[in-house]
Amino acid sequence: MIRTVEELVKELLRRYDREPRGWSMLADRRGNVLVVGPGIGYKLKLVSIDPKRFTGVGTEIKDFERVSDLLNRFPPYGFRPLPKDAVEMFLRGELRPELIRKVVELEPVPSWELRNAEAILSGPIISHPDLSVVSSSQRKLEERLAIEADKLFRRLYPRRASIYG
C-alpha cells in the first residue's frame, strides 16, 4: 500500500523510538530512499519542495534482507546525543579519527532522550548514485513510486508543478 511520506515518517519515528538500534538508510540523488529497521523495510520517493521541506510517497518492501545485509557493513543510523567534549572538538574543527570513531560507536537513542542534549548527531545516511541497481523488483517499485509522488506533488503544489510542465 502506497502512503504519503508524512504518514510514513510518523510511523518510522514511532518504530524507531520503540527500538532505536538496527536502523539503516540508503539514499540516491534522485529522491529514492531505503529505510531498513528491525524486521521492516520501506522504500520512499521524495520530491523536494524547498531546501528544508519535501513531500512524496512510500511503501513497505518485502525484499529488504539483501539491502539490510549490504547496510550492516556501515554504522547504524540513529540519533545520538553528543558529549560536550565532542561538540567542542567538532566546533574547533578537530576531526581526528579517534573522535569520529568515538561518536560513531555511541548507541542510537529514542528521540525523547534527546530533549536536553547539547547537540545531536543523526545518521549516517549512506549515499548511492542509483538505488535501482539493488534489484529488478526495486526498479519496478521505484517507477511506480515516482508516478505516485509526482501525482501527489501536482495535487499539493499545482502552481509549483506547473513550472516543471
N, C-alpha and C. Protein backbone atom coordinates (compact mmCIF):
# COMPACT_ATOMS: atom_id res chain seq x y z
N MET A 1 0.84 -1.18 0.00
CA MET A 1 0.00 0.00 0.00
C MET A 1 0.89 1.25 0.00
N ILE A 2 0.64 2.14 -0.92
CA ILE A 2 1.41 3.38 -1.04
C ILE A 2 0.77 4.43 -0.12
N ARG A 3 1.64 5.09 0.67
CA ARG A 3 1.18 6.12 1.61
C ARG A 3 2.06 7.35 1.46
N THR A 4 1.58 8.47 1.99
CA THR A 4 2.38 9.69 1.90
C THR A 4 3.60 9.58 2.82
N VAL A 5 4.64 10.30 2.46
CA VAL A 5 5.86 10.31 3.26
C VAL A 5 5.57 10.87 4.65
N GLU A 6 4.69 11.84 4.72
CA GLU A 6 4.35 12.43 6.02
C GLU A 6 3.81 11.36 6.96
N GLU A 7 2.93 10.49 6.46
CA GLU A 7 2.41 9.38 7.27
C GLU A 7 3.51 8.40 7.65
N LEU A 8 4.33 8.06 6.67
CA LEU A 8 5.38 7.07 6.91
C LEU A 8 6.44 7.57 7.87
N VAL A 9 6.78 8.84 7.81
CA VAL A 9 7.80 9.38 8.72
C VAL A 9 7.30 9.26 10.16
N LYS A 10 6.03 9.56 10.40
CA LYS A 10 5.47 9.40 11.75
C LYS A 10 5.57 7.95 12.21
N GLU A 11 5.22 7.02 11.32
CA GLU A 11 5.30 5.60 11.67
C GLU A 11 6.75 5.18 11.91
N LEU A 12 7.64 5.62 11.05
CA LEU A 12 9.06 5.28 11.22
C LEU A 12 9.60 5.81 12.54
N LEU A 13 9.24 7.02 12.91
CA LEU A 13 9.71 7.58 14.19
C LEU A 13 9.15 6.81 15.38
N ARG A 14 7.89 6.38 15.28
CA ARG A 14 7.31 5.56 16.36
C ARG A 14 8.08 4.24 16.50
N ARG A 15 8.33 3.61 15.36
CA ARG A 15 9.07 2.33 15.37
C ARG A 15 10.49 2.54 15.88
N TYR A 16 11.13 3.61 15.42
CA TYR A 16 12.50 3.91 15.84
C TYR A 16 12.54 4.14 17.36
N ASP A 17 11.60 4.89 17.89
CA ASP A 17 11.58 5.17 19.34
C ASP A 17 11.40 3.89 20.15
N ARG A 18 10.66 2.93 19.61
CA ARG A 18 10.50 1.64 20.31
C ARG A 18 11.79 0.83 20.30
N GLU A 19 12.51 0.88 19.16
CA GLU A 19 13.76 0.12 19.01
C GLU A 19 14.75 0.94 18.19
N PRO A 20 15.58 1.78 18.85
CA PRO A 20 16.47 2.68 18.11
C PRO A 20 17.72 2.00 17.52
N ARG A 21 17.94 0.76 17.81
CA ARG A 21 19.11 0.06 17.26
C ARG A 21 18.71 -0.76 16.03
N GLY A 22 19.64 -0.86 15.10
CA GLY A 22 19.41 -1.72 13.94
C GLY A 22 18.79 -1.04 12.74
N TRP A 23 18.92 0.29 12.64
CA TRP A 23 18.35 1.03 11.51
C TRP A 23 19.44 1.42 10.52
N SER A 24 19.07 1.45 9.25
CA SER A 24 19.97 1.91 8.19
C SER A 24 19.16 2.70 7.17
N MET A 25 19.84 3.68 6.56
CA MET A 25 19.20 4.46 5.49
C MET A 25 20.16 4.56 4.31
N LEU A 26 19.60 4.38 3.14
CA LEU A 26 20.35 4.45 1.90
C LEU A 26 19.57 5.37 0.97
N ALA A 27 20.24 6.38 0.39
CA ALA A 27 19.55 7.35 -0.47
C ALA A 27 20.35 7.60 -1.73
N ASP A 28 19.64 7.94 -2.81
CA ASP A 28 20.33 8.37 -4.02
C ASP A 28 20.01 9.83 -4.30
N ARG A 29 20.57 10.36 -5.35
CA ARG A 29 20.42 11.79 -5.67
C ARG A 29 19.08 12.11 -6.33
N ARG A 30 18.28 11.08 -6.60
CA ARG A 30 17.02 11.29 -7.31
C ARG A 30 15.81 11.21 -6.39
N GLY A 31 16.05 11.26 -5.07
CA GLY A 31 14.94 11.26 -4.12
C GLY A 31 14.46 9.88 -3.69
N ASN A 32 15.20 8.84 -4.05
CA ASN A 32 14.85 7.50 -3.63
C ASN A 32 15.57 7.18 -2.33
N VAL A 33 14.82 6.63 -1.36
CA VAL A 33 15.39 6.33 -0.05
C VAL A 33 14.92 4.95 0.38
N LEU A 34 15.86 4.14 0.87
CA LEU A 34 15.53 2.87 1.50
C LEU A 34 15.77 3.03 2.99
N VAL A 35 14.77 2.67 3.79
CA VAL A 35 14.89 2.70 5.24
C VAL A 35 14.67 1.28 5.73
N VAL A 36 15.68 0.75 6.41
CA VAL A 36 15.59 -0.62 6.90
C VAL A 36 15.77 -0.59 8.41
N GLY A 37 14.82 -1.20 9.10
CA GLY A 37 14.88 -1.28 10.56
C GLY A 37 14.72 -2.71 11.00
N PRO A 38 14.63 -2.93 12.29
CA PRO A 38 14.48 -4.29 12.80
C PRO A 38 13.22 -4.97 12.24
N GLY A 39 13.41 -5.88 11.31
CA GLY A 39 12.31 -6.65 10.73
C GLY A 39 11.41 -5.91 9.77
N ILE A 40 11.86 -4.76 9.26
CA ILE A 40 11.00 -3.96 8.38
C ILE A 40 11.84 -3.19 7.37
N GLY A 41 11.25 -2.93 6.20
CA GLY A 41 11.93 -2.11 5.21
C GLY A 41 10.91 -1.24 4.48
N TYR A 42 11.33 -0.03 4.12
CA TYR A 42 10.47 0.91 3.40
C TYR A 42 11.24 1.51 2.24
N LYS A 43 10.53 1.75 1.17
CA LYS A 43 11.08 2.48 0.03
C LYS A 43 10.29 3.77 -0.08
N LEU A 44 11.02 4.90 -0.14
CA LEU A 44 10.39 6.22 -0.23
C LEU A 44 10.83 6.91 -1.51
N LYS A 45 9.95 7.72 -2.05
CA LYS A 45 10.27 8.60 -3.17
C LYS A 45 9.96 10.02 -2.71
N LEU A 46 11.01 10.83 -2.55
CA LEU A 46 10.86 12.19 -2.05
C LEU A 46 10.87 13.19 -3.20
N VAL A 47 10.05 14.21 -3.06
CA VAL A 47 10.02 15.32 -4.00
C VAL A 47 10.33 16.57 -3.18
N SER A 48 11.38 17.26 -3.55
CA SER A 48 11.80 18.45 -2.81
C SER A 48 10.86 19.62 -3.11
N ILE A 49 10.41 20.26 -2.04
CA ILE A 49 9.58 21.45 -2.18
C ILE A 49 10.48 22.68 -2.10
N ASP A 50 11.39 22.66 -1.15
CA ASP A 50 12.43 23.67 -1.00
C ASP A 50 13.57 22.99 -0.22
N PRO A 51 14.66 23.69 0.03
CA PRO A 51 15.79 23.01 0.68
C PRO A 51 15.48 22.37 2.04
N LYS A 52 14.42 22.79 2.71
CA LYS A 52 14.13 22.24 4.03
C LYS A 52 12.86 21.40 4.10
N ARG A 53 12.11 21.33 3.00
CA ARG A 53 10.84 20.59 3.02
C ARG A 53 10.75 19.66 1.82
N PHE A 54 10.00 18.59 2.03
CA PHE A 54 9.77 17.64 0.94
C PHE A 54 8.41 17.01 1.13
N THR A 55 7.94 16.38 0.08
CA THR A 55 6.75 15.55 0.13
C THR A 55 7.10 14.28 -0.63
N GLY A 56 6.16 13.41 -0.80
CA GLY A 56 6.43 12.18 -1.54
C GLY A 56 5.58 11.05 -1.02
N VAL A 57 5.93 9.86 -1.48
CA VAL A 57 5.20 8.66 -1.12
C VAL A 57 6.18 7.55 -0.79
N GLY A 58 5.65 6.49 -0.24
CA GLY A 58 6.48 5.33 0.07
C GLY A 58 5.63 4.14 0.39
N THR A 59 6.30 3.01 0.54
CA THR A 59 5.60 1.77 0.85
C THR A 59 6.54 0.81 1.56
N GLU A 60 5.95 -0.11 2.26
CA GLU A 60 6.73 -1.17 2.90
C GLU A 60 7.24 -2.10 1.81
N ILE A 61 8.46 -2.59 1.96
CA ILE A 61 9.01 -3.53 0.99
C ILE A 61 9.26 -4.87 1.67
N LYS A 62 9.16 -5.90 0.87
CA LYS A 62 9.33 -7.25 1.40
C LYS A 62 10.75 -7.78 1.25
N ASP A 63 11.43 -7.41 0.16
CA ASP A 63 12.76 -7.99 -0.11
C ASP A 63 13.88 -7.09 0.40
N PHE A 64 13.77 -6.64 1.65
CA PHE A 64 14.77 -5.72 2.20
C PHE A 64 15.97 -6.45 2.80
N GLU A 65 15.94 -7.78 2.90
CA GLU A 65 17.05 -8.51 3.53
C GLU A 65 18.35 -8.32 2.78
N ARG A 66 18.29 -8.31 1.45
CA ARG A 66 19.51 -8.12 0.64
C ARG A 66 20.13 -6.76 0.93
N VAL A 67 19.30 -5.74 0.98
CA VAL A 67 19.76 -4.39 1.28
C VAL A 67 20.28 -4.33 2.71
N SER A 68 19.56 -4.97 3.61
CA SER A 68 19.94 -4.98 5.02
C SER A 68 21.32 -5.60 5.21
N ASP A 69 21.60 -6.70 4.50
CA ASP A 69 22.91 -7.33 4.58
C ASP A 69 24.01 -6.39 4.11
N LEU A 70 23.74 -5.66 3.03
CA LEU A 70 24.70 -4.69 2.50
C LEU A 70 24.94 -3.56 3.50
N LEU A 71 23.88 -3.06 4.11
CA LEU A 71 23.99 -1.93 5.01
C LEU A 71 24.60 -2.28 6.36
N ASN A 72 24.59 -3.55 6.72
CA ASN A 72 25.16 -3.95 8.01
C ASN A 72 26.65 -3.68 8.10
N ARG A 73 27.29 -3.39 6.98
CA ARG A 73 28.73 -3.07 6.99
C ARG A 73 29.00 -1.65 7.46
N PHE A 74 27.96 -0.83 7.54
CA PHE A 74 28.09 0.57 7.92
C PHE A 74 27.60 0.77 9.35
N PRO A 75 28.04 1.87 9.98
CA PRO A 75 27.48 2.16 11.30
C PRO A 75 25.97 2.35 11.19
N PRO A 76 25.22 1.94 12.22
CA PRO A 76 23.76 2.05 12.14
C PRO A 76 23.30 3.50 12.16
N TYR A 77 22.16 3.73 11.51
CA TYR A 77 21.52 5.04 11.53
C TYR A 77 20.92 5.26 12.91
N GLY A 78 20.89 6.51 13.33
CA GLY A 78 20.20 6.82 14.57
C GLY A 78 20.50 8.23 15.04
N PHE A 79 19.87 8.59 16.13
CA PHE A 79 20.09 9.88 16.78
C PHE A 79 20.96 9.64 18.00
N ARG A 80 22.04 10.40 18.09
CA ARG A 80 22.98 10.23 19.19
C ARG A 80 23.25 11.59 19.84
N PRO A 81 23.03 11.69 21.15
CA PRO A 81 23.41 12.93 21.82
C PRO A 81 24.93 13.00 21.89
N LEU A 82 25.48 14.13 21.52
CA LEU A 82 26.94 14.27 21.52
C LEU A 82 27.41 14.77 22.89
N PRO A 83 28.45 14.14 23.42
CA PRO A 83 29.04 14.64 24.66
C PRO A 83 29.63 16.04 24.44
N LYS A 84 29.67 16.85 25.50
CA LYS A 84 30.15 18.23 25.41
C LYS A 84 31.55 18.31 24.81
N ASP A 85 32.46 17.40 25.20
CA ASP A 85 33.83 17.45 24.67
C ASP A 85 33.85 17.20 23.16
N ALA A 86 32.97 16.32 22.69
CA ALA A 86 32.91 16.05 21.25
C ALA A 86 32.38 17.27 20.50
N VAL A 87 31.38 17.94 21.06
CA VAL A 87 30.83 19.16 20.44
C VAL A 87 31.92 20.21 20.32
N GLU A 88 32.67 20.42 21.40
CA GLU A 88 33.73 21.41 21.39
C GLU A 88 34.81 21.07 20.35
N MET A 89 35.16 19.79 20.25
CA MET A 89 36.17 19.39 19.26
C MET A 89 35.65 19.60 17.83
N PHE A 90 34.38 19.27 17.60
CA PHE A 90 33.80 19.49 16.28
C PHE A 90 33.82 20.98 15.94
N LEU A 91 33.43 21.82 16.89
CA LEU A 91 33.38 23.26 16.64
C LEU A 91 34.77 23.84 16.38
N ARG A 92 35.79 23.25 16.97
CA ARG A 92 37.16 23.71 16.71
C ARG A 92 37.74 23.10 15.43
N GLY A 93 36.98 22.21 14.79
CA GLY A 93 37.45 21.58 13.56
C GLY A 93 38.44 20.46 13.79
N GLU A 94 38.44 19.91 14.97
CA GLU A 94 39.36 18.82 15.32
C GLU A 94 38.70 17.47 15.03
N LEU A 95 38.65 17.11 13.78
CA LEU A 95 38.01 15.86 13.37
C LEU A 95 39.04 14.73 13.30
N ARG A 96 39.54 14.37 14.42
CA ARG A 96 40.52 13.29 14.49
C ARG A 96 39.82 11.94 14.40
N PRO A 97 40.51 10.94 13.86
CA PRO A 97 39.90 9.60 13.71
C PRO A 97 39.35 9.05 15.02
N GLU A 98 40.01 9.27 16.14
CA GLU A 98 39.51 8.73 17.40
C GLU A 98 38.20 9.40 17.83
N LEU A 99 38.03 10.69 17.50
CA LEU A 99 36.78 11.37 17.81
C LEU A 99 35.66 10.80 16.95
N ILE A 100 35.92 10.65 15.67
CA ILE A 100 34.91 10.11 14.76
C ILE A 100 34.53 8.70 15.20
N ARG A 101 35.50 7.88 15.53
CA ARG A 101 35.24 6.52 15.99
C ARG A 101 34.39 6.54 17.28
N LYS A 102 34.74 7.43 18.21
CA LYS A 102 34.01 7.55 19.48
C LYS A 102 32.55 7.91 19.23
N VAL A 103 32.32 8.85 18.33
CA VAL A 103 30.96 9.31 18.05
C VAL A 103 30.16 8.22 17.35
N VAL A 104 30.76 7.56 16.37
CA VAL A 104 30.06 6.51 15.63
C VAL A 104 29.73 5.32 16.53
N GLU A 105 30.54 5.08 17.54
CA GLU A 105 30.29 3.97 18.45
C GLU A 105 29.21 4.27 19.49
N LEU A 106 28.78 5.53 19.59
CA LEU A 106 27.68 5.85 20.51
C LEU A 106 26.43 5.12 20.05
N GLU A 107 25.68 4.61 21.00
CA GLU A 107 24.44 3.90 20.67
C GLU A 107 23.34 4.89 20.31
N PRO A 108 22.57 4.60 19.25
CA PRO A 108 21.40 5.44 18.95
C PRO A 108 20.40 5.37 20.11
N VAL A 109 19.71 6.49 20.34
CA VAL A 109 18.75 6.56 21.44
C VAL A 109 17.39 7.01 20.90
N PRO A 110 16.31 6.70 21.64
CA PRO A 110 14.99 7.20 21.24
C PRO A 110 14.95 8.72 21.27
N SER A 111 14.05 9.29 20.50
CA SER A 111 14.01 10.75 20.37
C SER A 111 13.73 11.46 21.70
N TRP A 112 12.98 10.85 22.60
CA TRP A 112 12.68 11.53 23.86
C TRP A 112 13.92 11.69 24.74
N GLU A 113 14.97 10.92 24.49
CA GLU A 113 16.20 11.07 25.26
C GLU A 113 17.06 12.23 24.76
N LEU A 114 16.62 12.91 23.73
CA LEU A 114 17.40 14.00 23.13
C LEU A 114 16.97 15.37 23.61
N ARG A 115 15.94 15.42 24.43
CA ARG A 115 15.36 16.71 24.84
C ARG A 115 16.38 17.67 25.45
N ASN A 116 17.29 17.16 26.26
CA ASN A 116 18.26 18.03 26.94
C ASN A 116 19.66 17.95 26.33
N ALA A 117 19.75 17.35 25.16
CA ALA A 117 21.06 17.20 24.53
C ALA A 117 21.58 18.55 24.05
N GLU A 118 22.86 18.76 24.25
CA GLU A 118 23.50 19.99 23.78
C GLU A 118 23.60 20.01 22.26
N ALA A 119 23.89 18.84 21.71
CA ALA A 119 23.97 18.68 20.26
C ALA A 119 23.58 17.25 19.93
N ILE A 120 23.07 17.06 18.72
CA ILE A 120 22.59 15.75 18.30
C ILE A 120 23.23 15.41 16.97
N LEU A 121 23.71 14.20 16.87
CA LEU A 121 24.22 13.68 15.60
C LEU A 121 23.16 12.74 15.05
N SER A 122 22.78 12.92 13.81
CA SER A 122 21.86 11.97 13.18
C SER A 122 22.55 11.38 11.96
N GLY A 123 22.23 10.15 11.69
CA GLY A 123 22.82 9.48 10.54
C GLY A 123 23.61 8.27 10.97
N PRO A 124 24.40 7.71 10.13
CA PRO A 124 24.66 8.17 8.76
C PRO A 124 23.58 7.71 7.79
N ILE A 125 23.41 8.52 6.74
CA ILE A 125 22.59 8.13 5.60
C ILE A 125 23.58 7.80 4.50
N ILE A 126 23.60 6.56 4.09
CA ILE A 126 24.54 6.10 3.08
C ILE A 126 24.05 6.58 1.71
N SER A 127 24.92 7.22 0.96
CA SER A 127 24.56 7.76 -0.33
C SER A 127 25.01 6.80 -1.43
N HIS A 128 24.16 6.63 -2.41
CA HIS A 128 24.44 5.75 -3.54
C HIS A 128 23.96 6.47 -4.80
N PRO A 129 24.68 6.36 -5.90
CA PRO A 129 24.26 7.12 -7.09
C PRO A 129 22.93 6.66 -7.69
N ASP A 130 22.56 5.37 -7.53
CA ASP A 130 21.35 4.87 -8.18
C ASP A 130 20.84 3.64 -7.43
N LEU A 131 19.76 3.80 -6.68
CA LEU A 131 19.22 2.69 -5.91
C LEU A 131 18.51 1.64 -6.75
N SER A 132 18.23 1.95 -8.00
CA SER A 132 17.52 0.98 -8.84
C SER A 132 18.38 -0.24 -9.15
N VAL A 133 19.68 -0.17 -8.88
CA VAL A 133 20.55 -1.32 -9.15
C VAL A 133 20.41 -2.41 -8.08
N VAL A 134 19.70 -2.13 -7.02
CA VAL A 134 19.56 -3.10 -5.93
C VAL A 134 18.90 -4.38 -6.42
N SER A 135 17.79 -4.26 -7.14
CA SER A 135 17.12 -5.44 -7.70
C SER A 135 16.09 -4.99 -8.72
N SER A 136 15.64 -5.94 -9.56
CA SER A 136 14.65 -5.58 -10.58
C SER A 136 13.32 -5.22 -9.92
N SER A 137 12.97 -5.87 -8.82
CA SER A 137 11.72 -5.52 -8.14
C SER A 137 11.80 -4.11 -7.56
N GLN A 138 12.99 -3.71 -7.09
CA GLN A 138 13.16 -2.35 -6.58
C GLN A 138 13.04 -1.33 -7.72
N ARG A 139 13.54 -1.69 -8.90
CA ARG A 139 13.44 -0.81 -10.06
C ARG A 139 11.97 -0.56 -10.42
N LYS A 140 11.18 -1.63 -10.44
CA LYS A 140 9.75 -1.51 -10.76
C LYS A 140 9.03 -0.68 -9.70
N LEU A 141 9.35 -0.95 -8.45
CA LEU A 141 8.73 -0.19 -7.35
C LEU A 141 9.12 1.28 -7.43
N GLU A 142 10.37 1.54 -7.77
CA GLU A 142 10.85 2.93 -7.90
C GLU A 142 10.04 3.67 -8.96
N GLU A 143 9.78 3.02 -10.09
CA GLU A 143 8.99 3.65 -11.17
C GLU A 143 7.57 3.95 -10.70
N ARG A 144 6.96 3.00 -10.00
CA ARG A 144 5.60 3.18 -9.50
C ARG A 144 5.54 4.31 -8.48
N LEU A 145 6.50 4.35 -7.57
CA LEU A 145 6.52 5.41 -6.56
C LEU A 145 6.78 6.77 -7.19
N ALA A 146 7.60 6.82 -8.23
CA ALA A 146 7.87 8.10 -8.91
C ALA A 146 6.59 8.67 -9.51
N ILE A 147 5.77 7.82 -10.09
CA ILE A 147 4.50 8.27 -10.67
C ILE A 147 3.58 8.79 -9.57
N GLU A 148 3.46 8.04 -8.48
CA GLU A 148 2.58 8.44 -7.37
C GLU A 148 3.08 9.71 -6.68
N ALA A 149 4.40 9.83 -6.52
CA ALA A 149 4.97 11.04 -5.89
C ALA A 149 4.70 12.26 -6.76
N ASP A 150 4.82 12.10 -8.08
CA ASP A 150 4.55 13.21 -8.99
C ASP A 150 3.07 13.62 -8.91
N LYS A 151 2.17 12.65 -8.86
CA LYS A 151 0.73 12.96 -8.72
C LYS A 151 0.47 13.74 -7.43
N LEU A 152 1.07 13.29 -6.33
CA LEU A 152 0.89 13.96 -5.04
C LEU A 152 1.44 15.39 -5.09
N PHE A 153 2.63 15.55 -5.64
CA PHE A 153 3.25 16.87 -5.76
C PHE A 153 2.35 17.82 -6.57
N ARG A 154 1.84 17.34 -7.69
CA ARG A 154 0.99 18.16 -8.54
C ARG A 154 -0.33 18.52 -7.86
N ARG A 155 -0.85 17.61 -7.03
CA ARG A 155 -2.08 17.88 -6.31
C ARG A 155 -1.86 18.88 -5.18
N LEU A 156 -0.75 18.73 -4.44
CA LEU A 156 -0.48 19.60 -3.29
C LEU A 156 0.10 20.96 -3.69
N TYR A 157 0.85 21.00 -4.77
CA TYR A 157 1.55 22.22 -5.19
C TYR A 157 1.34 22.46 -6.69
N PRO A 158 0.09 22.70 -7.12
CA PRO A 158 -0.18 22.82 -8.56
C PRO A 158 0.56 23.96 -9.25
N ARG A 159 0.72 25.09 -8.57
CA ARG A 159 1.43 26.21 -9.18
C ARG A 159 2.91 25.90 -9.38
N ARG A 160 3.50 25.33 -8.36
CA ARG A 160 4.91 24.97 -8.48
C ARG A 160 5.11 23.87 -9.52
N ALA A 161 4.21 22.91 -9.53
CA ALA A 161 4.30 21.80 -10.50
C ALA A 161 4.17 22.31 -11.92
N SER A 162 3.38 23.35 -12.13
CA SER A 162 3.19 23.88 -13.50
C SER A 162 4.49 24.46 -14.05
N ILE A 163 5.39 24.87 -13.19
CA ILE A 163 6.68 25.39 -13.65
C ILE A 163 7.46 24.30 -14.39
N TYR A 164 7.31 23.04 -13.92
CA TYR A 164 8.07 21.93 -14.49
C TYR A 164 7.37 21.27 -15.67
N GLY A 165 6.17 21.71 -15.98
CA GLY A 165 5.48 21.21 -17.16
C GLY A 165 4.62 20.01 -16.95
